[in-house]
Full PDB file with SEQRES, HELIX, SHEET, SSBOND, CRYST1, ORIGX, SCALE, CONECT and MASTER records, all heavy atoms in Angstrom:
SEQRES   1 A   37  GLN PHE ASN GLN GLY PRO ILE PHE ALA ASN MET VAL LEU          
SEQRES   2 A   37  ALA ASP GLU ILE ASN ARG THR PRO PRO LYS THR GLN ALA          
SEQRES   3 A   37  ALA LEU LEU GLU ALA MET GLN GLU LYS LEU VAL                  
HELIX    1 AA1 ILE A   17  ARG A   19  5                                   3    
HELIX    2 AA2 PRO A   22  GLN A   25  1                                   4    
HELIX    3 AA3 ALA A   27  GLU A   34  1                                   8    
CRYST1    1.000    1.000    1.000  90.00  90.00  90.00 P 1           1          
ORIGX1      1.000000  0.000000  0.000000        0.00000                         
ORIGX2      0.000000  1.000000  0.000000        0.00000                         
ORIGX3      0.000000  0.000000  1.000000        0.00000                         
SCALE1      1.000000  0.000000  0.000000        0.00000                         
SCALE2      0.000000  1.000000  0.000000        0.00000                         
SCALE3      0.000000  0.000000  1.000000        0.00000                         
ATOM      1  N   GLN A   1     -17.036  19.692   5.973  1.00  0.00           N  
ATOM      2  CA  GLN A   1     -17.040  18.820   4.794  1.00  0.00           C  
ATOM      3  C   GLN A   1     -16.185  17.584   5.085  1.00  0.00           C  
ATOM      4  O   GLN A   1     -15.039  17.705   5.534  1.00  0.00           O  
ATOM      5  CB  GLN A   1     -16.473  19.576   3.590  1.00  0.00           C  
ATOM      6  CG  GLN A   1     -16.326  18.748   2.332  1.00  0.00           C  
ATOM      7  CD  GLN A   1     -17.658  18.453   1.669  1.00  0.00           C  
ATOM      8  OE1 GLN A   1     -18.548  19.299   1.654  1.00  0.00           O  
ATOM      9  NE2 GLN A   1     -17.811  17.248   1.143  1.00  0.00           N  
ATOM     10  N   PHE A   2     -16.748  16.391   4.854  1.00  0.00           N  
ATOM     11  CA  PHE A   2     -15.994  15.156   5.094  1.00  0.00           C  
ATOM     12  C   PHE A   2     -15.057  14.878   3.924  1.00  0.00           C  
ATOM     13  O   PHE A   2     -15.493  14.781   2.777  1.00  0.00           O  
ATOM     14  CB  PHE A   2     -16.947  13.973   5.291  1.00  0.00           C  
ATOM     15  CG  PHE A   2     -16.238  12.667   5.538  1.00  0.00           C  
ATOM     16  CD1 PHE A   2     -15.523  12.443   6.706  1.00  0.00           C  
ATOM     17  CD2 PHE A   2     -16.280  11.649   4.592  1.00  0.00           C  
ATOM     18  CE1 PHE A   2     -14.864  11.242   6.929  1.00  0.00           C  
ATOM     19  CE2 PHE A   2     -15.637  10.436   4.805  1.00  0.00           C  
ATOM     20  CZ  PHE A   2     -14.927  10.241   5.981  1.00  0.00           C  
ATOM     21  N   ASN A   3     -13.789  14.773   4.212  1.00  0.00           N  
ATOM     22  CA  ASN A   3     -12.783  14.430   3.207  1.00  0.00           C  
ATOM     23  C   ASN A   3     -12.432  12.946   3.348  1.00  0.00           C  
ATOM     24  O   ASN A   3     -11.922  12.517   4.378  1.00  0.00           O  
ATOM     25  CB  ASN A   3     -11.515  15.274   3.393  1.00  0.00           C  
ATOM     26  CG  ASN A   3     -11.609  16.590   2.652  1.00  0.00           C  
ATOM     27  OD1 ASN A   3     -12.689  17.000   2.256  1.00  0.00           O  
ATOM     28  ND2 ASN A   3     -10.483  17.251   2.467  1.00  0.00           N  
ATOM     29  N   GLN A   4     -12.727  12.195   2.324  1.00  0.00           N  
ATOM     30  CA  GLN A   4     -12.518  10.750   2.380  1.00  0.00           C  
ATOM     31  C   GLN A   4     -11.038  10.389   2.490  1.00  0.00           C  
ATOM     32  O   GLN A   4     -10.189  10.999   1.841  1.00  0.00           O  
ATOM     33  CB  GLN A   4     -13.117  10.086   1.138  1.00  0.00           C  
ATOM     34  CG  GLN A   4     -14.626  10.223   1.038  1.00  0.00           C  
ATOM     35  CD  GLN A   4     -15.193   9.530  -0.177  1.00  0.00           C  
ATOM     36  OE1 GLN A   4     -14.463   9.103  -1.077  1.00  0.00           O  
ATOM     37  NE2 GLN A   4     -16.509   9.399  -0.225  1.00  0.00           N  
ATOM     38  N   GLY A   5     -10.756   9.380   3.319  1.00  0.00           N  
ATOM     39  CA  GLY A   5      -9.396   8.896   3.478  1.00  0.00           C  
ATOM     40  C   GLY A   5      -9.055   7.831   2.456  1.00  0.00           C  
ATOM     41  O   GLY A   5      -9.880   7.469   1.607  1.00  0.00           O  
ATOM     42  N   PRO A   6      -7.866   7.256   2.531  1.00  0.00           N  
ATOM     43  CA  PRO A   6      -7.421   6.258   1.540  1.00  0.00           C  
ATOM     44  C   PRO A   6      -8.186   4.938   1.597  1.00  0.00           C  
ATOM     45  O   PRO A   6      -8.033   4.109   0.701  1.00  0.00           O  
ATOM     46  CB  PRO A   6      -5.940   6.062   1.884  1.00  0.00           C  
ATOM     47  CG  PRO A   6      -5.802   6.515   3.292  1.00  0.00           C  
ATOM     48  CD  PRO A   6      -6.802   7.605   3.476  1.00  0.00           C  
ATOM     49  N   ILE A   7      -9.018   4.734   2.630  1.00  0.00           N  
ATOM     50  CA  ILE A   7      -9.809   3.507   2.711  1.00  0.00           C  
ATOM     51  C   ILE A   7     -10.844   3.449   1.591  1.00  0.00           C  
ATOM     52  O   ILE A   7     -11.351   2.382   1.231  1.00  0.00           O  
ATOM     53  CB  ILE A   7     -10.500   3.410   4.099  1.00  0.00           C  
ATOM     54  CG1 ILE A   7     -11.052   2.007   4.364  1.00  0.00           C  
ATOM     55  CG2 ILE A   7     -11.635   4.417   4.231  1.00  0.00           C  
ATOM     56  CD1 ILE A   7     -10.047   1.006   4.734  1.00  0.00           C  
ATOM     57  N   PHE A   8     -11.146   4.624   0.993  1.00  0.00           N  
ATOM     58  CA  PHE A   8     -12.158   4.683  -0.064  1.00  0.00           C  
ATOM     59  C   PHE A   8     -11.550   4.325  -1.419  1.00  0.00           C  
ATOM     60  O   PHE A   8     -11.306   5.175  -2.270  1.00  0.00           O  
ATOM     61  CB  PHE A   8     -12.806   6.073  -0.093  1.00  0.00           C  
ATOM     62  CG  PHE A   8     -13.745   6.323   1.054  1.00  0.00           C  
ATOM     63  CD1 PHE A   8     -13.274   6.807   2.262  1.00  0.00           C  
ATOM     64  CD2 PHE A   8     -15.100   6.048   0.933  1.00  0.00           C  
ATOM     65  CE1 PHE A   8     -14.129   7.023   3.329  1.00  0.00           C  
ATOM     66  CE2 PHE A   8     -15.973   6.271   1.992  1.00  0.00           C  
ATOM     67  CZ  PHE A   8     -15.479   6.754   3.200  1.00  0.00           C  
ATOM     68  N   ALA A   9     -11.273   3.038  -1.575  1.00  0.00           N  
ATOM     69  CA  ALA A   9     -10.751   2.492  -2.835  1.00  0.00           C  
ATOM     70  C   ALA A   9     -11.215   1.061  -2.948  1.00  0.00           C  
ATOM     71  O   ALA A   9     -11.579   0.424  -1.953  1.00  0.00           O  
ATOM     72  CB  ALA A   9      -9.225   2.577  -2.869  1.00  0.00           C  
ATOM     73  N   ASN A  10     -11.222   0.528  -4.177  1.00  0.00           N  
ATOM     74  CA  ASN A  10     -11.643  -0.864  -4.364  1.00  0.00           C  
ATOM     75  C   ASN A  10     -10.687  -1.838  -3.688  1.00  0.00           C  
ATOM     76  O   ASN A  10     -11.103  -2.827  -3.091  1.00  0.00           O  
ATOM     77  CB  ASN A  10     -11.722  -1.213  -5.851  1.00  0.00           C  
ATOM     78  CG  ASN A  10     -12.803  -0.463  -6.584  1.00  0.00           C  
ATOM     79  OD1 ASN A  10     -12.526   0.299  -7.509  1.00  0.00           O  
ATOM     80  ND2 ASN A  10     -14.053  -0.660  -6.189  1.00  0.00           N  
ATOM     81  N   MET A  11      -9.394  -1.552  -3.814  1.00  0.00           N  
ATOM     82  CA  MET A  11      -8.374  -2.433  -3.251  1.00  0.00           C  
ATOM     83  C   MET A  11      -7.439  -1.598  -2.385  1.00  0.00           C  
ATOM     84  O   MET A  11      -6.824  -0.642  -2.859  1.00  0.00           O  
ATOM     85  CB  MET A  11      -7.600  -3.137  -4.363  1.00  0.00           C  
ATOM     86  CG  MET A  11      -6.732  -4.277  -3.883  1.00  0.00           C  
ATOM     87  SD  MET A  11      -6.040  -5.260  -5.247  1.00  0.00           S  
ATOM     88  CE  MET A  11      -7.481  -6.173  -5.777  1.00  0.00           C  
ATOM     89  N   VAL A  12      -7.355  -1.943  -1.101  1.00  0.00           N  
ATOM     90  CA  VAL A  12      -6.548  -1.170  -0.151  1.00  0.00           C  
ATOM     91  C   VAL A  12      -5.455  -2.066   0.412  1.00  0.00           C  
ATOM     92  O   VAL A  12      -5.738  -3.155   0.934  1.00  0.00           O  
ATOM     93  CB  VAL A  12      -7.409  -0.618   1.001  1.00  0.00           C  
ATOM     94  CG1 VAL A  12      -6.541   0.144   1.998  1.00  0.00           C  
ATOM     95  CG2 VAL A  12      -8.522   0.283   0.459  1.00  0.00           C  
ATOM     96  N   LEU A  13      -4.216  -1.629   0.288  1.00  0.00           N  
ATOM     97  CA  LEU A  13      -3.086  -2.348   0.877  1.00  0.00           C  
ATOM     98  C   LEU A  13      -2.752  -1.710   2.217  1.00  0.00           C  
ATOM     99  O   LEU A  13      -2.314  -0.558   2.277  1.00  0.00           O  
ATOM    100  CB  LEU A  13      -1.868  -2.289  -0.055  1.00  0.00           C  
ATOM    101  CG  LEU A  13      -0.598  -2.949   0.487  1.00  0.00           C  
ATOM    102  CD1 LEU A  13      -0.792  -4.444   0.689  1.00  0.00           C  
ATOM    103  CD2 LEU A  13       0.584  -2.689  -0.432  1.00  0.00           C  
ATOM    104  N   ALA A  14      -3.002  -2.450   3.284  1.00  0.00           N  
ATOM    105  CA  ALA A  14      -2.661  -1.993   4.635  1.00  0.00           C  
ATOM    106  C   ALA A  14      -1.286  -2.566   4.962  1.00  0.00           C  
ATOM    107  O   ALA A  14      -1.165  -3.683   5.474  1.00  0.00           O  
ATOM    108  CB  ALA A  14      -3.709  -2.464   5.636  1.00  0.00           C  
ATOM    109  N   ASP A  15      -0.254  -1.799   4.640  1.00  0.00           N  
ATOM    110  CA  ASP A  15       1.118  -2.299   4.710  1.00  0.00           C  
ATOM    111  C   ASP A  15       1.647  -2.289   6.141  1.00  0.00           C  
ATOM    112  O   ASP A  15       1.629  -1.259   6.815  1.00  0.00           O  
ATOM    113  CB  ASP A  15       2.022  -1.451   3.807  1.00  0.00           C  
ATOM    114  CG  ASP A  15       3.085  -2.286   3.126  1.00  0.00           C  
ATOM    115  OD1 ASP A  15       3.195  -3.483   3.434  1.00  0.00           O  
ATOM    116  OD2 ASP A  15       3.807  -1.742   2.271  1.00  0.00           O  
ATOM    117  N   GLU A  16       2.122  -3.458   6.603  1.00  0.00           N  
ATOM    118  CA  GLU A  16       2.654  -3.644   7.956  1.00  0.00           C  
ATOM    119  C   GLU A  16       1.635  -3.195   9.001  1.00  0.00           C  
ATOM    120  O   GLU A  16       1.893  -2.337   9.841  1.00  0.00           O  
ATOM    121  CB  GLU A  16       3.986  -2.898   8.119  1.00  0.00           C  
ATOM    122  CG  GLU A  16       5.101  -3.480   7.261  1.00  0.00           C  
ATOM    123  CD  GLU A  16       6.470  -2.937   7.609  1.00  0.00           C  
ATOM    124  OE1 GLU A  16       6.770  -1.790   7.241  1.00  0.00           O  
ATOM    125  OE2 GLU A  16       7.224  -3.660   8.275  1.00  0.00           O  
ATOM    126  N   ILE A  17       0.479  -3.827   8.952  1.00  0.00           N  
ATOM    127  CA  ILE A  17      -0.635  -3.460   9.814  1.00  0.00           C  
ATOM    128  C   ILE A  17      -0.310  -3.606  11.298  1.00  0.00           C  
ATOM    129  O   ILE A  17      -0.871  -2.908  12.140  1.00  0.00           O  
ATOM    130  CB  ILE A  17      -1.888  -4.296   9.445  1.00  0.00           C  
ATOM    131  CG1 ILE A  17      -3.124  -3.756  10.155  1.00  0.00           C  
ATOM    132  CG2 ILE A  17      -1.675  -5.775   9.711  1.00  0.00           C  
ATOM    133  CD1 ILE A  17      -4.417  -4.423   9.735  1.00  0.00           C  
ATOM    134  N   ASN A  18       0.613  -4.505  11.630  1.00  0.00           N  
ATOM    135  CA  ASN A  18       0.928  -4.720  13.042  1.00  0.00           C  
ATOM    136  C   ASN A  18       1.912  -3.680  13.593  1.00  0.00           C  
ATOM    137  O   ASN A  18       2.369  -3.803  14.727  1.00  0.00           O  
ATOM    138  CB  ASN A  18       1.483  -6.135  13.262  1.00  0.00           C  
ATOM    139  CG  ASN A  18       2.703  -6.443  12.418  1.00  0.00           C  
ATOM    140  OD1 ASN A  18       2.917  -5.830  11.369  1.00  0.00           O  
ATOM    141  ND2 ASN A  18       3.507  -7.396  12.860  1.00  0.00           N  
ATOM    142  N   ARG A  19       2.219  -2.644  12.815  1.00  0.00           N  
ATOM    143  CA  ARG A  19       3.112  -1.586  13.321  1.00  0.00           C  
ATOM    144  C   ARG A  19       2.345  -0.412  13.909  1.00  0.00           C  
ATOM    145  O   ARG A  19       2.937   0.550  14.384  1.00  0.00           O  
ATOM    146  CB  ARG A  19       4.020  -1.069  12.201  1.00  0.00           C  
ATOM    147  CG  ARG A  19       5.087  -2.050  11.820  1.00  0.00           C  
ATOM    148  CD  ARG A  19       6.312  -1.369  11.235  1.00  0.00           C  
ATOM    149  NE  ARG A  19       7.372  -2.336  11.073  1.00  0.00           N  
ATOM    150  CZ  ARG A  19       8.198  -2.722  12.037  1.00  0.00           C  
ATOM    151  NH1 ARG A  19       8.068  -2.234  13.252  1.00  0.00           N  
ATOM    152  NH2 ARG A  19       9.137  -3.601  11.796  1.00  0.00           N  
ATOM    153  N   THR A  20       1.005  -0.466  13.867  1.00  0.00           N  
ATOM    154  CA  THR A  20       0.223   0.651  14.383  1.00  0.00           C  
ATOM    155  C   THR A  20      -0.566   0.202  15.614  1.00  0.00           C  
ATOM    156  O   THR A  20      -0.911  -0.979  15.737  1.00  0.00           O  
ATOM    157  CB  THR A  20      -0.722   1.182  13.279  1.00  0.00           C  
ATOM    158  OG1 THR A  20      -1.114   2.513  13.564  1.00  0.00           O  
ATOM    159  CG2 THR A  20      -1.954   0.312  13.118  1.00  0.00           C  
ATOM    160  N   PRO A  21      -0.856   1.106  16.546  1.00  0.00           N  
ATOM    161  CA  PRO A  21      -1.547   0.728  17.789  1.00  0.00           C  
ATOM    162  C   PRO A  21      -2.973   0.226  17.549  1.00  0.00           C  
ATOM    163  O   PRO A  21      -3.578   0.491  16.501  1.00  0.00           O  
ATOM    164  CB  PRO A  21      -1.565   2.040  18.591  1.00  0.00           C  
ATOM    165  CG  PRO A  21      -0.459   2.864  18.028  1.00  0.00           C  
ATOM    166  CD  PRO A  21      -0.402   2.512  16.570  1.00  0.00           C  
ATOM    167  N   PRO A  22      -3.540  -0.488  18.544  1.00  0.00           N  
ATOM    168  CA  PRO A  22      -4.877  -1.078  18.402  1.00  0.00           C  
ATOM    169  C   PRO A  22      -5.972  -0.075  18.042  1.00  0.00           C  
ATOM    170  O   PRO A  22      -6.910  -0.428  17.321  1.00  0.00           O  
ATOM    171  CB  PRO A  22      -5.141  -1.693  19.782  1.00  0.00           C  
ATOM    172  CG  PRO A  22      -3.777  -1.987  20.321  1.00  0.00           C  
ATOM    173  CD  PRO A  22      -2.888  -0.903  19.800  1.00  0.00           C  
ATOM    174  N   LYS A  23      -5.873   1.161  18.522  1.00  0.00           N  
ATOM    175  CA  LYS A  23      -6.901   2.166  18.227  1.00  0.00           C  
ATOM    176  C   LYS A  23      -7.022   2.385  16.717  1.00  0.00           C  
ATOM    177  O   LYS A  23      -8.129   2.493  16.169  1.00  0.00           O  
ATOM    178  CB  LYS A  23      -6.559   3.486  18.921  1.00  0.00           C  
ATOM    179  CG  LYS A  23      -7.586   4.590  18.687  1.00  0.00           C  
ATOM    180  CD  LYS A  23      -7.182   5.866  19.414  1.00  0.00           C  
ATOM    181  CE  LYS A  23      -8.201   6.970  19.180  1.00  0.00           C  
ATOM    182  NZ  LYS A  23      -7.827   8.224  19.877  1.00  0.00           N  
ATOM    183  N   THR A  24      -5.893   2.431  16.042  1.00  0.00           N  
ATOM    184  CA  THR A  24      -5.904   2.639  14.592  1.00  0.00           C  
ATOM    185  C   THR A  24      -6.260   1.357  13.856  1.00  0.00           C  
ATOM    186  O   THR A  24      -6.976   1.377  12.852  1.00  0.00           O  
ATOM    187  CB  THR A  24      -4.536   3.170  14.130  1.00  0.00           C  
ATOM    188  OG1 THR A  24      -4.209   4.335  14.902  1.00  0.00           O  
ATOM    189  CG2 THR A  24      -4.561   3.545  12.661  1.00  0.00           C  
ATOM    190  N   GLN A  25      -5.772   0.211  14.357  1.00  0.00           N  
ATOM    191  CA  GLN A  25      -6.153  -1.082  13.762  1.00  0.00           C  
ATOM    192  C   GLN A  25      -7.669  -1.245  13.796  1.00  0.00           C  
ATOM    193  O   GLN A  25      -8.280  -1.714  12.833  1.00  0.00           O  
ATOM    194  CB  GLN A  25      -5.499  -2.227  14.528  1.00  0.00           C  
ATOM    195  CG  GLN A  25      -3.995  -2.331  14.348  1.00  0.00           C  
ATOM    196  CD  GLN A  25      -3.389  -3.416  15.222  1.00  0.00           C  
ATOM    197  OE1 GLN A  25      -4.090  -4.089  15.971  1.00  0.00           O  
ATOM    198  NE2 GLN A  25      -2.085  -3.575  15.148  1.00  0.00           N  
ATOM    199  N   ALA A  26      -8.293  -0.813  14.904  1.00  0.00           N  
ATOM    200  CA  ALA A  26      -9.732  -0.971  15.064  1.00  0.00           C  
ATOM    201  C   ALA A  26     -10.524  -0.132  14.058  1.00  0.00           C  
ATOM    202  O   ALA A  26     -11.686  -0.434  13.771  1.00  0.00           O  
ATOM    203  CB  ALA A  26     -10.147  -0.595  16.488  1.00  0.00           C  
ATOM    204  N   ALA A  27      -9.903   0.918  13.520  1.00  0.00           N  
ATOM    205  CA  ALA A  27     -10.589   1.762  12.533  1.00  0.00           C  
ATOM    206  C   ALA A  27     -10.921   0.968  11.278  1.00  0.00           C  
ATOM    207  O   ALA A  27     -11.827   1.328  10.525  1.00  0.00           O  
ATOM    208  CB  ALA A  27      -9.719   2.969  12.180  1.00  0.00           C  
ATOM    209  N   LEU A  28     -10.189  -0.126  11.060  1.00  0.00           N  
ATOM    210  CA  LEU A  28     -10.452  -0.965   9.893  1.00  0.00           C  
ATOM    211  C   LEU A  28     -11.633  -1.916  10.104  1.00  0.00           C  
ATOM    212  O   LEU A  28     -12.225  -2.403   9.139  1.00  0.00           O  
ATOM    213  CB  LEU A  28      -9.220  -1.809   9.563  1.00  0.00           C  
ATOM    214  CG  LEU A  28      -8.018  -1.112   8.942  1.00  0.00           C  
ATOM    215  CD1 LEU A  28      -6.890  -2.111   8.772  1.00  0.00           C  
ATOM    216  CD2 LEU A  28      -8.362  -0.493   7.614  1.00  0.00           C  
ATOM    217  N   LEU A  29     -11.967  -2.194  11.374  1.00  0.00           N  
ATOM    218  CA  LEU A  29     -12.951  -3.231  11.673  1.00  0.00           C  
ATOM    219  C   LEU A  29     -14.300  -2.994  11.013  1.00  0.00           C  
ATOM    220  O   LEU A  29     -14.844  -3.873  10.347  1.00  0.00           O  
ATOM    221  CB  LEU A  29     -13.139  -3.368  13.192  1.00  0.00           C  
ATOM    222  CG  LEU A  29     -12.148  -4.275  13.915  1.00  0.00           C  
ATOM    223  CD1 LEU A  29     -12.350  -4.193  15.410  1.00  0.00           C  
ATOM    224  CD2 LEU A  29     -12.291  -5.708  13.449  1.00  0.00           C  
ATOM    225  N   GLU A  30     -14.862  -1.797  11.227  1.00  0.00           N  
ATOM    226  CA  GLU A  30     -16.171  -1.505  10.651  1.00  0.00           C  
ATOM    227  C   GLU A  30     -16.115  -1.543   9.125  1.00  0.00           C  
ATOM    228  O   GLU A  30     -16.992  -2.095   8.469  1.00  0.00           O  
ATOM    229  CB  GLU A  30     -16.679  -0.138  11.109  1.00  0.00           C  
ATOM    230  CG  GLU A  30     -18.080   0.162  10.570  1.00  0.00           C  
ATOM    231  CD  GLU A  30     -18.528   1.588  10.846  1.00  0.00           C  
ATOM    232  OE1 GLU A  30     -17.666   2.475  10.951  1.00  0.00           O  
ATOM    233  OE2 GLU A  30     -19.733   1.803  10.928  1.00  0.00           O  
ATOM    234  N   ALA A  31     -15.038  -0.969   8.585  1.00  0.00           N  
ATOM    235  CA  ALA A  31     -14.897  -0.939   7.120  1.00  0.00           C  
ATOM    236  C   ALA A  31     -14.834  -2.357   6.556  1.00  0.00           C  
ATOM    237  O   ALA A  31     -15.470  -2.665   5.539  1.00  0.00           O  
ATOM    238  CB  ALA A  31     -13.644  -0.166   6.737  1.00  0.00           C  
ATOM    239  N   MET A  32     -14.098  -3.254   7.217  1.00  0.00           N  
ATOM    240  CA  MET A  32     -13.942  -4.618   6.732  1.00  0.00           C  
ATOM    241  C   MET A  32     -15.242  -5.402   6.818  1.00  0.00           C  
ATOM    242  O   MET A  32     -15.578  -6.170   5.922  1.00  0.00           O  
ATOM    243  CB  MET A  32     -12.850  -5.338   7.526  1.00  0.00           C  
ATOM    244  CG  MET A  32     -11.460  -4.819   7.249  1.00  0.00           C  
ATOM    245  SD  MET A  32     -10.227  -5.480   8.384  1.00  0.00           S  
ATOM    246  CE  MET A  32     -10.253  -7.207   7.968  1.00  0.00           C  
ATOM    247  N   GLN A  33     -15.985  -5.199   7.905  1.00  0.00           N  
ATOM    248  CA  GLN A  33     -17.186  -5.995   8.126  1.00  0.00           C  
ATOM    249  C   GLN A  33     -18.421  -5.393   7.455  1.00  0.00           C  
ATOM    250  O   GLN A  33     -19.191  -6.087   6.798  1.00  0.00           O  
ATOM    251  CB  GLN A  33     -17.445  -6.133   9.639  1.00  0.00           C  
ATOM    252  CG  GLN A  33     -18.535  -7.128   9.991  1.00  0.00           C  
ATOM    253  CD  GLN A  33     -18.136  -8.559   9.668  1.00  0.00           C  
ATOM    254  OE1 GLN A  33     -16.959  -8.877   9.518  1.00  0.00           O  
ATOM    255  NE2 GLN A  33     -19.129  -9.429   9.537  1.00  0.00           N  
ATOM    256  N   GLU A  34     -18.602  -4.083   7.627  1.00  0.00           N  
ATOM    257  CA  GLU A  34     -19.831  -3.434   7.157  1.00  0.00           C  
ATOM    258  C   GLU A  34     -19.690  -2.805   5.766  1.00  0.00           C  
ATOM    259  O   GLU A  34     -20.679  -2.409   5.158  1.00  0.00           O  
ATOM    260  CB  GLU A  34     -20.258  -2.349   8.159  1.00  0.00           C  
ATOM    261  CG  GLU A  34     -20.397  -2.831   9.592  1.00  0.00           C  
ATOM    262  CD  GLU A  34     -21.455  -3.906   9.748  1.00  0.00           C  
ATOM    263  OE1 GLU A  34     -22.393  -3.935   8.927  1.00  0.00           O  
ATOM    264  OE2 GLU A  34     -21.339  -4.714  10.682  1.00  0.00           O  
ATOM    265  N   LYS A  35     -18.442  -2.634   5.310  1.00  0.00           N  
ATOM    266  CA  LYS A  35     -18.160  -2.002   4.022  1.00  0.00           C  
ATOM    267  C   LYS A  35     -18.729  -0.578   3.945  1.00  0.00           C  
ATOM    268  O   LYS A  35     -19.246  -0.132   2.928  1.00  0.00           O  
ATOM    269  CB  LYS A  35     -18.676  -2.863   2.868  1.00  0.00           C  
ATOM    270  CG  LYS A  35     -17.972  -4.228   2.833  1.00  0.00           C  
ATOM    271  CD  LYS A  35     -18.263  -5.018   1.602  1.00  0.00           C  
ATOM    272  CE  LYS A  35     -17.468  -6.327   1.626  1.00  0.00           C  
ATOM    273  NZ  LYS A  35     -17.721  -7.191   0.474  1.00  0.00           N  
ATOM    274  N   LEU A  36     -18.615   0.105   5.086  1.00  0.00           N  
ATOM    275  CA  LEU A  36     -18.956   1.523   5.140  1.00  0.00           C  
ATOM    276  C   LEU A  36     -18.176   2.163   6.279  1.00  0.00           C  
ATOM    277  O   LEU A  36     -17.626   1.486   7.141  1.00  0.00           O  
ATOM    278  CB  LEU A  36     -20.470   1.733   5.318  1.00  0.00           C  
ATOM    279  CG  LEU A  36     -21.185   1.113   6.516  1.00  0.00           C  
ATOM    280  CD1 LEU A  36     -21.027   1.940   7.792  1.00  0.00           C  
ATOM    281  CD2 LEU A  36     -22.665   0.973   6.220  1.00  0.00           C  
ATOM    282  N   VAL A  37     -18.123   3.487   6.251  1.00  0.00           N  
ATOM    283  CA  VAL A  37     -17.443   4.262   7.289  1.00  0.00           C  
ATOM    284  C   VAL A  37     -18.466   5.177   7.937  1.00  0.00           C  
ATOM    285  O   VAL A  37     -19.264   5.823   7.248  1.00  0.00           O  
ATOM    286  CB  VAL A  37     -16.283   5.093   6.686  1.00  0.00           C  
ATOM    287  CG1 VAL A  37     -15.815   6.170   7.659  1.00  0.00           C  
ATOM    288  CG2 VAL A  37     -15.123   4.185   6.296  1.00  0.00           C  
TER     289      VAL A  37                                                      
MASTER        0    0    0    3    0    0    0    6  288    1    0    3          
END                                                                             
């Protein structure tokens, strides 16, 4: 069963985004561009 993460909200605050490695930063790319996961 897929359990949705915190990205599933109308407004998402990615606080201090530059503190996480590129692999995790890249997880936002598809969501930002395609608006799906």
